[in-house]
PDB file of N, CA and C in Angstrom:
ATOM      1  N   MET A   1     140.580 199.139 136.013  1.00  0.00           N
ATOM      2  CA  MET A   1     141.924 199.590 136.445  1.00  0.00           C
ATOM      3  C   MET A   1     142.107 200.973 136.327  1.00  0.00           C
ATOM      4  N   GLU A   2     142.910 201.324 137.285  1.00  0.00           N
ATOM      5  CA  GLU A   2     143.487 202.888 136.986  1.00  0.00           C
ATOM      6  C   GLU A   2     144.748 202.818 136.561  1.00  0.00           C
ATOM      7  N   ILE A   3     145.439 203.601 135.903  1.00  0.00           N
ATOM      8  CA  ILE A   3     146.553 203.893 135.417  1.00  0.00           C
ATOM      9  C   ILE A   3     146.800 205.277 135.500  1.00  0.00           C
ATOM     10  N   ILE A   4     148.200 205.213 136.339  1.00  0.00           N
ATOM     11  CA  ILE A   4     148.579 206.767 136.351  1.00  0.00           C
ATOM     12  C   ILE A   4     149.974 206.680 135.760  1.00  0.00           C
ATOM     13  N   PHE A   5     150.281 207.994 134.988  1.00  0.00           N
ATOM     14  CA  PHE A   5     151.609 208.180 134.236  1.00  0.00           C
ATOM     15  C   PHE A   5     152.300 209.476 134.730  1.00  0.00           C
ATOM     16  N   THR A   6     153.477 209.403 134.927  1.00  0.00           N
ATOM     17  CA  THR A   6     154.166 210.497 135.314  1.00  0.00           C
ATOM     18  C   THR A   6     155.427 210.351 134.430  1.00  0.00           C
ATOM     19  N   GLN A   7     156.236 211.595 134.190  1.00  0.00           N
ATOM     20  CA  GLN A   7     157.348 211.527 133.631  1.00  0.00           C
ATOM     21  C   GLN A   7     158.609 212.118 134.519  1.00  0.00           C
ATOM     22  N   ALA A   8     160.155 211.559 134.244  1.00  0.00           N
ATOM     23  CA  ALA A   8     161.016 212.313 134.878  1.00  0.00           C
ATOM     24  C   ALA A   8     162.169 212.130 133.883  1.00  0.00           C
ATOM     25  N   ASN A   9     162.344 213.247 133.360  1.00  0.00           N
ATOM     26  CA  ASN A   9     163.208 213.252 132.291  1.00  0.00           C
ATOM     27  C   ASN A   9     162.607 212.636 131.166  1.00  0.00           C
ATOM     28  N   LYS A  10     163.692 211.743 130.610  1.00  0.00           N
ATOM     29  CA  LYS A  10     163.306 210.852 129.175  1.00  0.00           C
ATOM     30  C   LYS A  10     162.408 209.763 130.011  1.00  0.00           C
ATOM     31  N   ASN A  11     162.242 209.463 131.168  1.00  0.00           N
ATOM     32  CA  ASN A  11     161.576 208.408 131.735  1.00  0.00           C
ATOM     33  C   ASN A  11     160.166 208.266 131.949  1.00  0.00           C
ATOM     34  N   LEU A  12     159.290 207.293 131.373  1.00  0.00           N
ATOM     35  CA  LEU A  12     157.774 207.389 131.539  1.00  0.00           C
ATOM     36  C   LEU A  12     157.477 206.132 132.747  1.00  0.00           C
ATOM     37  N   ILE A  13     156.999 206.769 133.681  1.00  0.00           N
ATOM     38  CA  ILE A  13     156.504 205.904 134.730  1.00  0.00           C
ATOM     39  C   ILE A  13     155.077 205.494 134.714  1.00  0.00           C
ATOM     40  N   VAL A  14     154.822 204.161 134.704  1.00  0.00           N
ATOM     41  CA  VAL A  14     153.366 203.770 134.657  1.00  0.00           C
ATOM     42  C   VAL A  14     153.183 202.649 136.051  1.00  0.00           C
ATOM     43  N   LYS A  15     152.096 203.284 136.262  1.00  0.00           N
ATOM     44  CA  LYS A  15     151.509 202.691 137.774  1.00  0.00           C
ATOM     45  C   LYS A  15     150.262 202.267 137.671  1.00  0.00           C
ATOM     46  N   PRO A  16     150.115 200.938 137.180  1.00  0.00           N
ATOM     47  CA  PRO A  16     148.940 200.333 137.114  1.00  0.00           C
ATOM     48  C   PRO A  16     148.279 200.097 138.549  1.00  0.00           C
ATOM     49  N   SER A  17     147.039 199.974 138.830  1.00  0.00           N
ATOM     50  CA  SER A  17     146.542 199.548 139.984  1.00  0.00           C
ATOM     51  C   SER A  17     145.422 198.147 139.650  1.00  0.00           C
ATOM     52  N   GLY A  18     145.496 197.188 140.709  1.00  0.00           N
ATOM     53  CA  GLY A  18     144.507 196.162 140.706  1.00  0.00           C
ATOM     54  C   GLY A  18     145.303 195.206 139.951  1.00  0.00           C
ATOM     55  N   GLU A  19     144.525 194.442 139.103  1.00  0.00           N
ATOM     56  CA  GLU A  19     144.874 193.017 138.236  1.00  0.00           C
ATOM     57  C   GLU A  19     145.169 193.326 136.985  1.00  0.00           C
ATOM     58  N   ILE A  20     146.378 192.847 136.573  1.00  0.00           N
ATOM     59  CA  ILE A  20     146.734 192.842 135.059  1.00  0.00           C
ATOM     60  C   ILE A  20     146.329 191.441 134.368  1.00  0.00           C
ATOM     61  N   ASP A  21     145.372 191.273 133.685  1.00  0.00           N
ATOM     62  CA  ASP A  21     144.957 190.248 133.249  1.00  0.00           C
ATOM     63  C   ASP A  21     144.395 190.336 131.841  1.00  0.00           C
ATOM     64  N   HIS A  22     143.773 189.135 131.443  1.00  0.00           N
ATOM     65  CA  HIS A  22     143.541 189.159 130.017  1.00  0.00           C
ATOM     66  C   HIS A  22     142.531 190.671 129.860  1.00  0.00           C
ATOM     67  N   HIS A  23     141.578 190.624 130.673  1.00  0.00           N
ATOM     68  CA  HIS A  23     140.482 191.930 130.584  1.00  0.00           C
ATOM     69  C   HIS A  23     141.168 193.111 130.481  1.00  0.00           C
ATOM     70  N   SER A  24     142.160 193.574 131.316  1.00  0.00           N
ATOM     71  CA  SER A  24     142.597 194.841 131.614  1.00  0.00           C
ATOM     72  C   SER A  24     143.959 195.171 130.639  1.00  0.00           C
ATOM     73  N   SER A  25     144.618 193.866 130.098  1.00  0.00           N
ATOM     74  CA  SER A  25     145.732 194.224 129.259  1.00  0.00           C
ATOM     75  C   SER A  25     145.552 194.829 128.097  1.00  0.00           C
ATOM     76  N   VAL A  26     144.581 194.959 127.597  1.00  0.00           N
ATOM     77  CA  VAL A  26     144.318 195.455 126.287  1.00  0.00           C
ATOM     78  C   VAL A  26     144.223 197.073 126.706  1.00  0.00           C
ATOM     79  N   GLU A  27     143.607 197.332 127.492  1.00  0.00           N
ATOM     80  CA  GLU A  27     143.179 198.973 127.842  1.00  0.00           C
ATOM     81  C   GLU A  27     144.998 199.533 128.347  1.00  0.00           C
ATOM     82  N   LEU A  28     145.807 198.574 129.342  1.00  0.00           N
ATOM     83  CA  LEU A  28     146.769 198.886 129.763  1.00  0.00           C
ATOM     84  C   LEU A  28     147.981 198.897 128.450  1.00  0.00           C
ATOM     85  N   ARG A  29     148.140 198.075 127.516  1.00  0.00           N
ATOM     86  CA  ARG A  29     149.118 198.381 126.245  1.00  0.00           C
ATOM     87  C   ARG A  29     148.692 199.478 125.421  1.00  0.00           C
ATOM     88  N   ARG A  30     147.366 199.663 125.480  1.00  0.00           N
ATOM     89  CA  ARG A  30     147.197 200.848 124.516  1.00  0.00           C
ATOM     90  C   ARG A  30     147.467 202.210 125.135  1.00  0.00           C
ATOM     91  N   GLU A  31     147.251 202.305 126.488  1.00  0.00           N
ATOM     92  CA  GLU A  31     147.227 203.564 127.125  1.00  0.00           C
ATOM     93  C   GLU A  31     149.072 203.618 127.301  1.00  0.00           C
ATOM     94  N   ILE A  32     149.762 202.659 127.402  1.00  0.00           N
ATOM     95  CA  ILE A  32     151.301 202.782 127.648  1.00  0.00           C
ATOM     96  C   ILE A  32     151.754 203.162 126.234  1.00  0.00           C
ATOM     97  N   ASP A  33     151.244 202.541 125.277  1.00  0.00           N
ATOM     98  CA  ASP A  33     151.892 202.827 123.803  1.00  0.00           C
ATOM     99  C   ASP A  33     151.426 204.418 123.395  1.00  0.00           C
ATOM    100  N   ARG A  34     150.164 204.589 123.923  1.00  0.00           N
ATOM    101  CA  ARG A  34     149.807 206.014 123.557  1.00  0.00           C
ATOM    102  C   ARG A  34     150.962 207.173 124.380  1.00  0.00           C
ATOM    103  N   ASN A  35     150.971 206.865 125.509  1.00  0.00           N
ATOM    104  CA  ASN A  35     151.809 207.812 126.377  1.00  0.00           C
ATOM    105  C   ASN A  35     153.554 207.662 126.140  1.00  0.00           C
ATOM    106  N   LEU A  36     154.003 206.576 125.494  1.00  0.00           N
ATOM    107  CA  LEU A  36     155.518 206.483 125.133  1.00  0.00           C
ATOM    108  C   LEU A  36     155.267 207.096 123.648  1.00  0.00           C
ATOM    109  N   THR A  37     154.452 207.144 122.842  1.00  0.00           N
ATOM    110  CA  THR A  37     154.443 208.009 121.707  1.00  0.00           C
ATOM    111  C   THR A  37     154.348 209.834 121.988  1.00  0.00           C
ATOM    112  N   ARG A  38     153.374 209.979 123.011  1.00  0.00           N
ATOM    113  CA  ARG A  38     153.304 211.424 123.136  1.00  0.00           C
ATOM    114  C   ARG A  38     154.316 212.064 124.022  1.00  0.00           C
ATOM    115  N   SER A  39     155.082 211.093 124.964  1.00  0.00           N
ATOM    116  CA  SER A  39     155.914 211.561 125.791  1.00  0.00           C
ATOM    117  C   SER A  39     157.464 211.758 125.221  1.00  0.00           C
ATOM    118  N   LYS A  40     157.630 211.026 123.991  1.00  0.00           N
ATOM    119  CA  LYS A  40     158.825 210.788 123.371  1.00  0.00           C
ATOM    120  C   LYS A  40     159.895 210.116 124.484  1.00  0.00           C
ATOM    121  N   ALA A  41     159.556 209.427 125.539  1.00  0.00           N
ATOM    122  CA  ALA A  41     160.129 208.795 126.487  1.00  0.00           C
ATOM    123  C   ALA A  41     161.322 207.821 125.948  1.00  0.00           C
ATOM    124  N   LYS A  42     162.378 207.619 126.698  1.00  0.00           N
ATOM    125  CA  LYS A  42     163.442 206.763 126.109  1.00  0.00           C
ATOM    126  C   LYS A  42     163.119 205.256 126.913  1.00  0.00           C
ATOM    127  N   ASN A  43     163.022 205.647 128.338  1.00  0.00           N
ATOM    128  CA  ASN A  43     162.849 204.613 129.210  1.00  0.00           C
ATOM    129  C   ASN A  43     161.205 204.473 129.896  1.00  0.00           C
ATOM    130  N   LEU A  44     160.961 203.050 129.963  1.00  0.00           N
ATOM    131  CA  LEU A  44     159.772 202.912 130.830  1.00  0.00           C
ATOM    132  C   LEU A  44     160.125 202.157 132.029  1.00  0.00           C
ATOM    133  N   ILE A  45     159.263 202.827 133.081  1.00  0.00           N
ATOM    134  CA  ILE A  45     159.503 202.222 134.340  1.00  0.00           C
ATOM    135  C   ILE A  45     158.101 201.798 134.971  1.00  0.00           C
ATOM    136  N   PHE A  46     157.960 200.414 135.177  1.00  0.00           N
ATOM    137  CA  PHE A  46     156.771 199.921 135.664  1.00  0.00           C
ATOM    138  C   PHE A  46     156.592 200.180 137.177  1.00  0.00           C
ATOM    139  N   ASP A  47     155.712 200.675 138.051  1.00  0.00           N
ATOM    140  CA  ASP A  47     155.658 200.657 139.319  1.00  0.00           C
ATOM    141  C   ASP A  47     154.676 199.918 139.754  1.00  0.00           C
ATOM    142  N   PHE A  48     154.838 198.600 140.547  1.00  0.00           N
ATOM    143  CA  PHE A  48     154.002 197.469 140.713  1.00  0.00           C
ATOM    144  C   PHE A  48     153.566 197.641 142.050  1.00  0.00           C
ATOM    145  N   SER A  49     153.581 198.875 142.786  1.00  0.00           N
ATOM    146  CA  SER A  49     153.214 199.077 144.076  1.00  0.00           C
ATOM    147  C   SER A  49     151.699 198.939 144.332  1.00  0.00           C
ATOM    148  N   ALA A  50     150.763 198.964 143.265  1.00  0.00           N
ATOM    149  CA  ALA A  50     149.713 198.893 143.598  1.00  0.00           C
ATOM    150  C   ALA A  50     148.788 197.818 142.630  1.00  0.00           C
ATOM    151  N   VAL A  51     149.668 196.786 142.029  1.00  0.00           N
ATOM    152  CA  VAL A  51     149.143 195.761 141.514  1.00  0.00           C
ATOM    153  C   VAL A  51     149.015 194.642 142.415  1.00  0.00           C
ATOM    154  N   GLU A  52     147.995 193.888 142.446  1.00  0.00           N
ATOM    155  CA  GLU A  52     147.579 192.756 143.295  1.00  0.00           C
ATOM    156  C   GLU A  52     147.913 191.385 142.396  1.00  0.00           C
ATOM    157  N   PHE A  53     147.510 191.320 141.287  1.00  0.00           N
ATOM    158  CA  PHE A  53     147.889 189.927 140.421  1.00  0.00           C
ATOM    159  C   PHE A  53     148.138 190.483 139.039  1.00  0.00           C
ATOM    160  N   MET A  54     149.113 189.709 138.365  1.00  0.00           N
ATOM    161  CA  MET A  54     149.330 189.665 137.178  1.00  0.00           C
ATOM    162  C   MET A  54     149.309 188.427 136.606  1.00  0.00           C
ATOM    163  N   ASP A  55     148.730 188.137 135.211  1.00  0.00           N
ATOM    164  CA  ASP A  55     149.026 186.882 134.605  1.00  0.00           C
ATOM    165  C   ASP A  55     149.863 187.111 133.413  1.00  0.00           C
ATOM    166  N   SER A  56     149.641 186.111 132.529  1.00  0.00           N
ATOM    167  CA  SER A  56     150.621 186.088 131.226  1.00  0.00           C
ATOM    168  C   SER A  56     150.137 186.992 130.240  1.00  0.00           C
ATOM    169  N   SER A  57     148.922 187.675 130.608  1.00  0.00           N
ATOM    170  CA  SER A  57     148.889 188.791 129.418  1.00  0.00           C
ATOM    171  C   SER A  57     149.668 189.897 130.302  1.00  0.00           C
ATOM    172  N   GLY A  58     150.016 190.235 131.322  1.00  0.00           N
ATOM    173  CA  GLY A  58     151.078 191.113 132.102  1.00  0.00           C
ATOM    174  C   GLY A  58     152.523 190.856 131.425  1.00  0.00           C
ATOM    175  N   ILE A  59     152.858 189.741 131.232  1.00  0.00           N
ATOM    176  CA  ILE A  59     154.169 189.382 130.937  1.00  0.00           C
ATOM    177  C   ILE A  59     154.227 189.614 129.390  1.00  0.00           C
ATOM    178  N   GLY A  60     153.572 189.413 128.744  1.00  0.00           N
ATOM    179  CA  GLY A  60     153.231 189.976 127.159  1.00  0.00           C
ATOM    180  C   GLY A  60     153.284 191.466 127.203  1.00  0.00           C
ATOM    181  N   ILE A  61     152.808 192.074 127.887  1.00  0.00           N
ATOM    182  CA  ILE A  61     152.900 193.560 127.782  1.00  0.00           C
ATOM    183  C   ILE A  61     154.510 194.033 128.019  1.00  0.00           C
ATOM    184  N   MET A  62     154.893 193.332 129.233  1.00  0.00           N
ATOM    185  CA  MET A  62     156.269 193.678 129.747  1.00  0.00           C
ATOM    186  C   MET A  62     157.290 193.168 128.645  1.00  0.00           C
ATOM    187  N   ILE A  63     157.127 192.043 127.833  1.00  0.00           N
ATOM    188  CA  ILE A  63     158.070 191.735 126.636  1.00  0.00           C
ATOM    189  C   ILE A  63     157.986 192.651 125.638  1.00  0.00           C
ATOM    190  N   GLY A  64     156.867 192.973 125.356  1.00  0.00           N
ATOM    191  CA  GLY A  64     156.302 193.794 124.039  1.00  0.00           C
ATOM    192  C   GLY A  64     156.938 195.128 124.214  1.00  0.00           C
ATOM    193  N   ARG A  65     156.854 195.667 125.661  1.00  0.00           N
ATOM    194  CA  ARG A  65     157.559 196.998 125.877  1.00  0.00           C
ATOM    195  C   ARG A  65     158.811 196.914 125.825  1.00  0.00           C
ATOM    196  N   TYR A  66     159.658 195.951 126.524  1.00  0.00           N
ATOM    197  CA  TYR A  66     161.135 195.528 126.224  1.00  0.00           C
ATOM    198  C   TYR A  66     161.593 195.592 125.059  1.00  0.00           C
ATOM    199  N   ARG A  67     160.730 194.822 124.134  1.00  0.00           N
ATOM    200  CA  ARG A  67     161.328 194.868 122.619  1.00  0.00           C
ATOM    201  C   ARG A  67     161.243 196.036 122.030  1.00  0.00           C
ATOM    202  N   GLU A  68     160.214 196.574 122.090  1.00  0.00           N
ATOM    203  CA  GLU A  68     159.901 197.745 121.502  1.00  0.00           C
ATOM    204  C   GLU A  68     161.120 199.047 121.885  1.00  0.00           C
ATOM    205  N   LEU A  69     161.223 199.326 123.238  1.00  0.00           N
ATOM    206  CA  LEU A  69     162.081 200.197 123.753  1.00  0.00           C
ATOM    207  C   LEU A  69     163.599 199.648 123.471  1.00  0.00           C
ATOM    208  N   THR A  70     164.121 198.654 123.232  1.00  0.00           N
ATOM    209  CA  THR A  70     165.403 198.141 123.316  1.00  0.00           C
ATOM    210  C   THR A  70     165.995 198.533 121.718  1.00  0.00           C
ATOM    211  N   GLN A  71     164.819 198.260 121.207  1.00  0.00           N
ATOM    212  CA  GLN A  71     164.935 198.646 119.423  1.00  0.00           C
ATOM    213  C   GLN A  71     165.575 200.188 119.205  1.00  0.00           C
ATOM    214  N   ARG A  72     164.791 200.859 120.334  1.00  0.00           N
ATOM    215  CA  ARG A  72     165.015 202.457 120.132  1.00  0.00           C
ATOM    216  C   ARG A  72     166.090 202.716 121.091  1.00  0.00           C
ATOM    217  N   GLY A  73     166.679 201.989 121.485  1.00  0.00           N
ATOM    218  CA  GLY A  73     167.635 202.397 122.418  1.00  0.00           C
ATOM    219  C   GLY A  73     167.794 202.527 124.050  1.00  0.00           C
ATOM    220  N   GLY A  74     166.200 202.174 124.270  1.00  0.00           N
ATOM    221  CA  GLY A  74     166.035 202.320 125.636  1.00  0.00           C
ATOM    222  C   GLY A  74     166.137 201.127 126.467  1.00  0.00           C
ATOM    223  N   LYS A  75     165.334 201.467 127.791  1.00  0.00           N
ATOM    224  CA  LYS A  75     165.302 200.319 128.534  1.00  0.00           C
ATOM    225  C   LYS A  75     164.098 200.354 129.343  1.00  0.00           C
ATOM    226  N   VAL A  76     163.455 199.321 129.828  1.00  0.00           N
ATOM    227  CA  VAL A  76     162.461 198.902 130.800  1.00  0.00           C
ATOM    228  C   VAL A  76     162.826 198.495 132.119  1.00  0.00           C
ATOM    229  N   TYR A  77     162.428 198.865 133.235  1.00  0.00           N
ATOM    230  CA  TYR A  77     162.671 198.789 134.580  1.00  0.00           C
ATOM    231  C   TYR A  77     161.274 198.392 135.188  1.00  0.00           C
ATOM    232  N   ALA A  78     161.540 197.887 136.268  1.00  0.00           N
ATOM    233  CA  ALA A  78     160.451 197.515 137.497  1.00  0.00           C
ATOM    234  C   ALA A  78     160.651 197.875 138.602  1.00  0.00           C
ATOM    235  N   ILE A  79     159.539 198.518 139.438  1.00  0.00           N
ATOM    236  CA  ILE A  79     160.052 198.944 140.830  1.00  0.00           C
ATOM    237  C   ILE A  79     158.745 198.523 141.587  1.00  0.00           C
ATOM    238  N   ASN A  80     159.265 198.371 142.853  1.00  0.00           N
ATOM    239  CA  ASN A  80     157.991 198.010 144.022  1.00  0.00           C
ATOM    240  C   ASN A  80     157.323 196.656 143.674  1.00  0.00           C
ATOM    241  N   ILE A  81     158.007 195.538 143.385  1.00  0.00           N
ATOM    242  CA  ILE A  81     157.211 194.371 143.248  1.00  0.00           C
ATOM    243  C   ILE A  81     157.233 193.596 144.349  1.00  0.00           C
ATOM    244  N   ASN A  82     155.982 193.079 144.440  1.00  0.00           N
ATOM    245  CA  ASN A  82     155.796 192.180 145.744  1.00  0.00           C
ATOM    246  C   ASN A  82     155.700 190.667 145.618  1.00  0.00           C
ATOM    247  N   GLY A  83     155.687 189.838 146.484  1.00  0.00           N
ATOM    248  CA  GLY A  83     156.003 188.466 146.566  1.00  0.00           C
ATOM    249  C   GLY A  83     155.434 188.021 145.159  1.00  0.00           C
ATOM    250  N   SER A  84     154.290 188.124 144.849  1.00  0.00           N
ATOM    251  CA  SER A  84     153.593 186.955 143.864  1.00  0.00           C
ATOM    252  C   SER A  84     154.246 187.821 142.275  1.00  0.00           C
ATOM    253  N   ILE A  85     154.283 188.967 142.129  1.00  0.00           N
ATOM    254  CA  ILE A  85     154.930 189.288 141.316  1.00  0.00           C
ATOM    255  C   ILE A  85     155.966 188.982 140.980  1.00  0.00           C
ATOM    256  N   LYS A  86     156.835 189.011 141.953  1.00  0.00           N
ATOM    257  CA  LYS A  86     158.534 188.545 141.956  1.00  0.00           C
ATOM    258  C   LYS A  86     158.676 187.153 141.595  1.00  0.00           C
ATOM    259  N   ARG A  87     157.537 186.503 142.028  1.00  0.00           N
ATOM    260  CA  ARG A  87     157.549 185.126 141.727  1.00  0.00           C
ATOM    261  C   ARG A  87     157.418 184.966 140.100  1.00  0.00           C
ATOM    262  N   ILE A  88     156.209 185.978 139.381  1.00  0.00           N
ATOM    263  CA  ILE A  88     156.179 185.714 138.333  1.00  0.00           C
ATOM    264  C   ILE A  88     157.195 186.251 137.360  1.00  0.00           C
ATOM    265  N   PHE A  89     158.195 187.281 137.762  1.00  0.00           N
ATOM    266  CA  PHE A  89     158.919 187.508 137.016  1.00  0.00           C
ATOM    267  C   PHE A  89     160.325 186.578 136.904  1.00  0.00           C
ATOM    268  N   GLY A  90     160.415 185.598 138.114  1.00  0.00           N
ATOM    269  CA  GLY A  90     161.439 184.534 138.217  1.00  0.00           C
ATOM    270  C   GLY A  90     160.896 183.525 137.401  1.00  0.00           C
ATOM    271  N   ILE A  91     159.810 183.196 137.370  1.00  0.00           N
ATOM    272  CA  ILE A  91     159.599 181.843 136.595  1.00  0.00           C
ATOM    273  C   ILE A  91     159.335 182.032 135.180  1.00  0.00           C
ATOM    274  N   SER A  92     158.890 183.389 134.935  1.00  0.00           N
ATOM    275  CA  SER A  92     158.835 183.835 133.220  1.00  0.00           C
ATOM    276  C   SER A  92     160.016 184.075 132.649  1.00  0.00           C
ATOM    277  N   GLY A  93     161.078 184.365 133.613  1.00  0.00           N
ATOM    278  CA  GLY A  93     162.285 184.746 132.974  1.00  0.00           C
ATOM    279  C   GLY A  93     162.471 186.533 132.791  1.00  0.00           C
ATOM    280  N   LEU A  94     161.244 187.169 133.089  1.00  0.00           N
ATOM    281  CA  LEU A  94     161.550 188.477 133.014  1.00  0.00           C
ATOM    282  C   LEU A  94     162.531 189.254 133.736  1.00  0.00           C
ATOM    283  N   SER A  95     162.804 188.711 134.953  1.00  0.00           N
ATOM    284  CA  SER A  95     164.024 189.166 135.812  1.00  0.00           C
ATOM    285  C   SER A  95     165.318 189.134 135.056  1.00  0.00           C
ATOM    286  N   ARG A  96     165.423 188.172 134.323  1.00  0.00           N
ATOM    287  CA  ARG A  96     166.808 188.347 133.401  1.00  0.00           C
ATOM    288  C   ARG A  96     166.826 189.615 132.524  1.00  0.00           C
ATOM    289  N   ILE A  97     165.683 189.964 131.998  1.00  0.00           N
ATOM    290  CA  ILE A  97     165.922 191.079 131.124  1.00  0.00           C
ATOM    291  C   ILE A  97     165.484 192.360 131.635  1.00  0.00           C
ATOM    292  N   ILE A  98     164.777 192.413 132.453  1.00  0.00           N
ATOM    293  CA  ILE A  98     163.989 193.555 133.129  1.00  0.00           C
ATOM    294  C   ILE A  98     164.830 193.788 134.617  1.00  0.00           C
ATOM    295  N   PRO A  99     165.557 194.817 134.846  1.00  0.00           N
ATOM    296  CA  PRO A  99     166.257 194.966 136.403  1.00  0.00           C
ATOM    297  C   PRO A  99     164.812 195.393 137.126  1.00  0.00           C
ATOM    298  N   CYS A 100     164.795 195.066 138.233  1.00  0.00           N
ATOM    299  CA  CYS A 100     163.873 195.318 139.422  1.00  0.00           C
ATOM    300  C   CYS A 100     164.425 196.134 140.460  1.00  0.00           C
ATOM    301  N   TYR A 101     163.972 197.319 140.833  1.00  0.00           N
ATOM    302  CA  TYR A 101     164.322 198.066 142.094  1.00  0.00           C
ATOM    303  C   TYR A 101     163.277 198.434 143.135  1.00  0.00           C
ATOM    304  N   GLY A 102     163.751 198.405 144.177  1.00  0.00           N
ATOM    305  CA  GLY A 102     162.980 198.903 145.278  1.00  0.00           C
ATOM    306  C   GLY A 102     162.132 200.304 145.467  1.00  0.00           C
ATOM    307  N   SER A 103     162.777 201.294 144.737  1.00  0.00           N
ATOM    308  CA  SER A 103     162.072 202.440 144.423  1.00  0.00           C
ATOM    309  C   SER A 103     162.431 203.242 143.151  1.00  0.00           C
ATOM    310  N   LEU A 104     161.847 204.210 142.935  1.00  0.00           N
ATOM    311  CA  LEU A 104     161.771 205.219 141.828  1.00  0.00           C
ATOM    312  C   LEU A 104     163.058 205.647 141.681  1.00  0.00           C
ATOM    313  N   ASP A 105     163.662 206.025 142.928  1.00  0.00           N
ATOM    314  CA  ASP A 105     165.044 206.910 142.665  1.00  0.00           C
ATOM    315  C   ASP A 105     165.858 205.892 142.360  1.00  0.00           C
ATOM    316  N   GLU A 106     166.021 204.544 142.885  1.00  0.00           N
ATOM    317  CA  GLU A 106     167.068 203.537 142.353  1.00  0.00           C
ATOM    318  C   GLU A 106     166.934 203.353 140.973  1.00  0.00           C
ATOM    319  N   ALA A 107     165.723 203.233 140.342  1.00  0.00           N
ATOM    320  CA  ALA A 107     165.475 202.854 138.981  1.00  0.00           C
ATOM    321  C   ALA A 107     166.012 203.894 138.277  1.00  0.00           C
ATOM    322  N   LEU A 108     165.671 205.401 138.696  1.00  0.00           N
ATOM    323  CA  LEU A 108     166.248 206.644 138.173  1.00  0.00           C
ATOM    324  C   LEU A 108     167.714 206.569 137.795  1.00  0.00           C
ATOM    325  N   ALA A 109     168.344 206.088 138.957  1.00  0.00           N
ATOM    326  CA  ALA A 109     169.798 206.333 138.957  1.00  0.00           C
ATOM    327  C   ALA A 109     170.281 205.389 138.019  1.00  0.00           C
ATOM    328  N   SER A 110     169.677 204.238 137.944  1.00  0.00           N
ATOM    329  CA  SER A 110     170.157 203.384 137.122  1.00  0.00           C
ATOM    330  C   SER A 110     170.128 203.545 135.563  1.00  0.00           C
ATOM    331  N   ALA A 111     168.834 204.496 135.301  1.00  0.00           N
ATOM    332  CA  ALA A 111     168.666 205.047 134.046  1.00  0.00           C
ATOM    333  C   ALA A 111     169.637 205.966 133.492  1.00  0.00           C
ATOM    334  N   GLY A 112     170.636 206.558 134.504  1.00  0.00           N
ATOM    335  CA  GLY A 112     171.537 207.527 134.174  1.00  0.00           C
ATOM    336  C   GLY A 112     171.266 209.094 134.162  1.00  0.00           C
ATOM    337  N   GLY A 113     169.893 209.158 134.764  1.00  0.00           N
ATOM    338  CA  GLY A 113     169.397 210.314 134.696  1.00  0.00           C
ATOM    339  C   GLY A 113     168.778 210.779 133.391  1.00  0.00           C
ATOM    340  N   GLU A 114     168.782 209.968 132.417  1.00  0.00           N
ATOM    341  CA  GLU A 114     168.083 210.119 131.317  1.00  0.00           C
ATOM    342  C   GLU A 114     166.499 210.562 131.258  1.00  0.00           C
TER     343      GLU A 114
END
């Protein structure tokens, strides 16, 4: 799995590629946490444009980062989700707590430029 991190103001953007499953989730979680600490970002934006598959381990990562960031006054967003990921968001309830947008610009606008 390749993970690309970028930052826009106080927003950390994480773009994983491939599959988010039991095997890759440990590395993904560790890298996100490390980059959140280093960047001091307020919000986290997951870009799913290169994700082909996600299982319950990915849901766990999303919920864990959501809890952490909301405790610090931040938010978690998701962008570019495909049909199978959208289905997982709906079934798991993630779509009720994590806003989903079609593009990075939309998510950044929702974050209010922070």
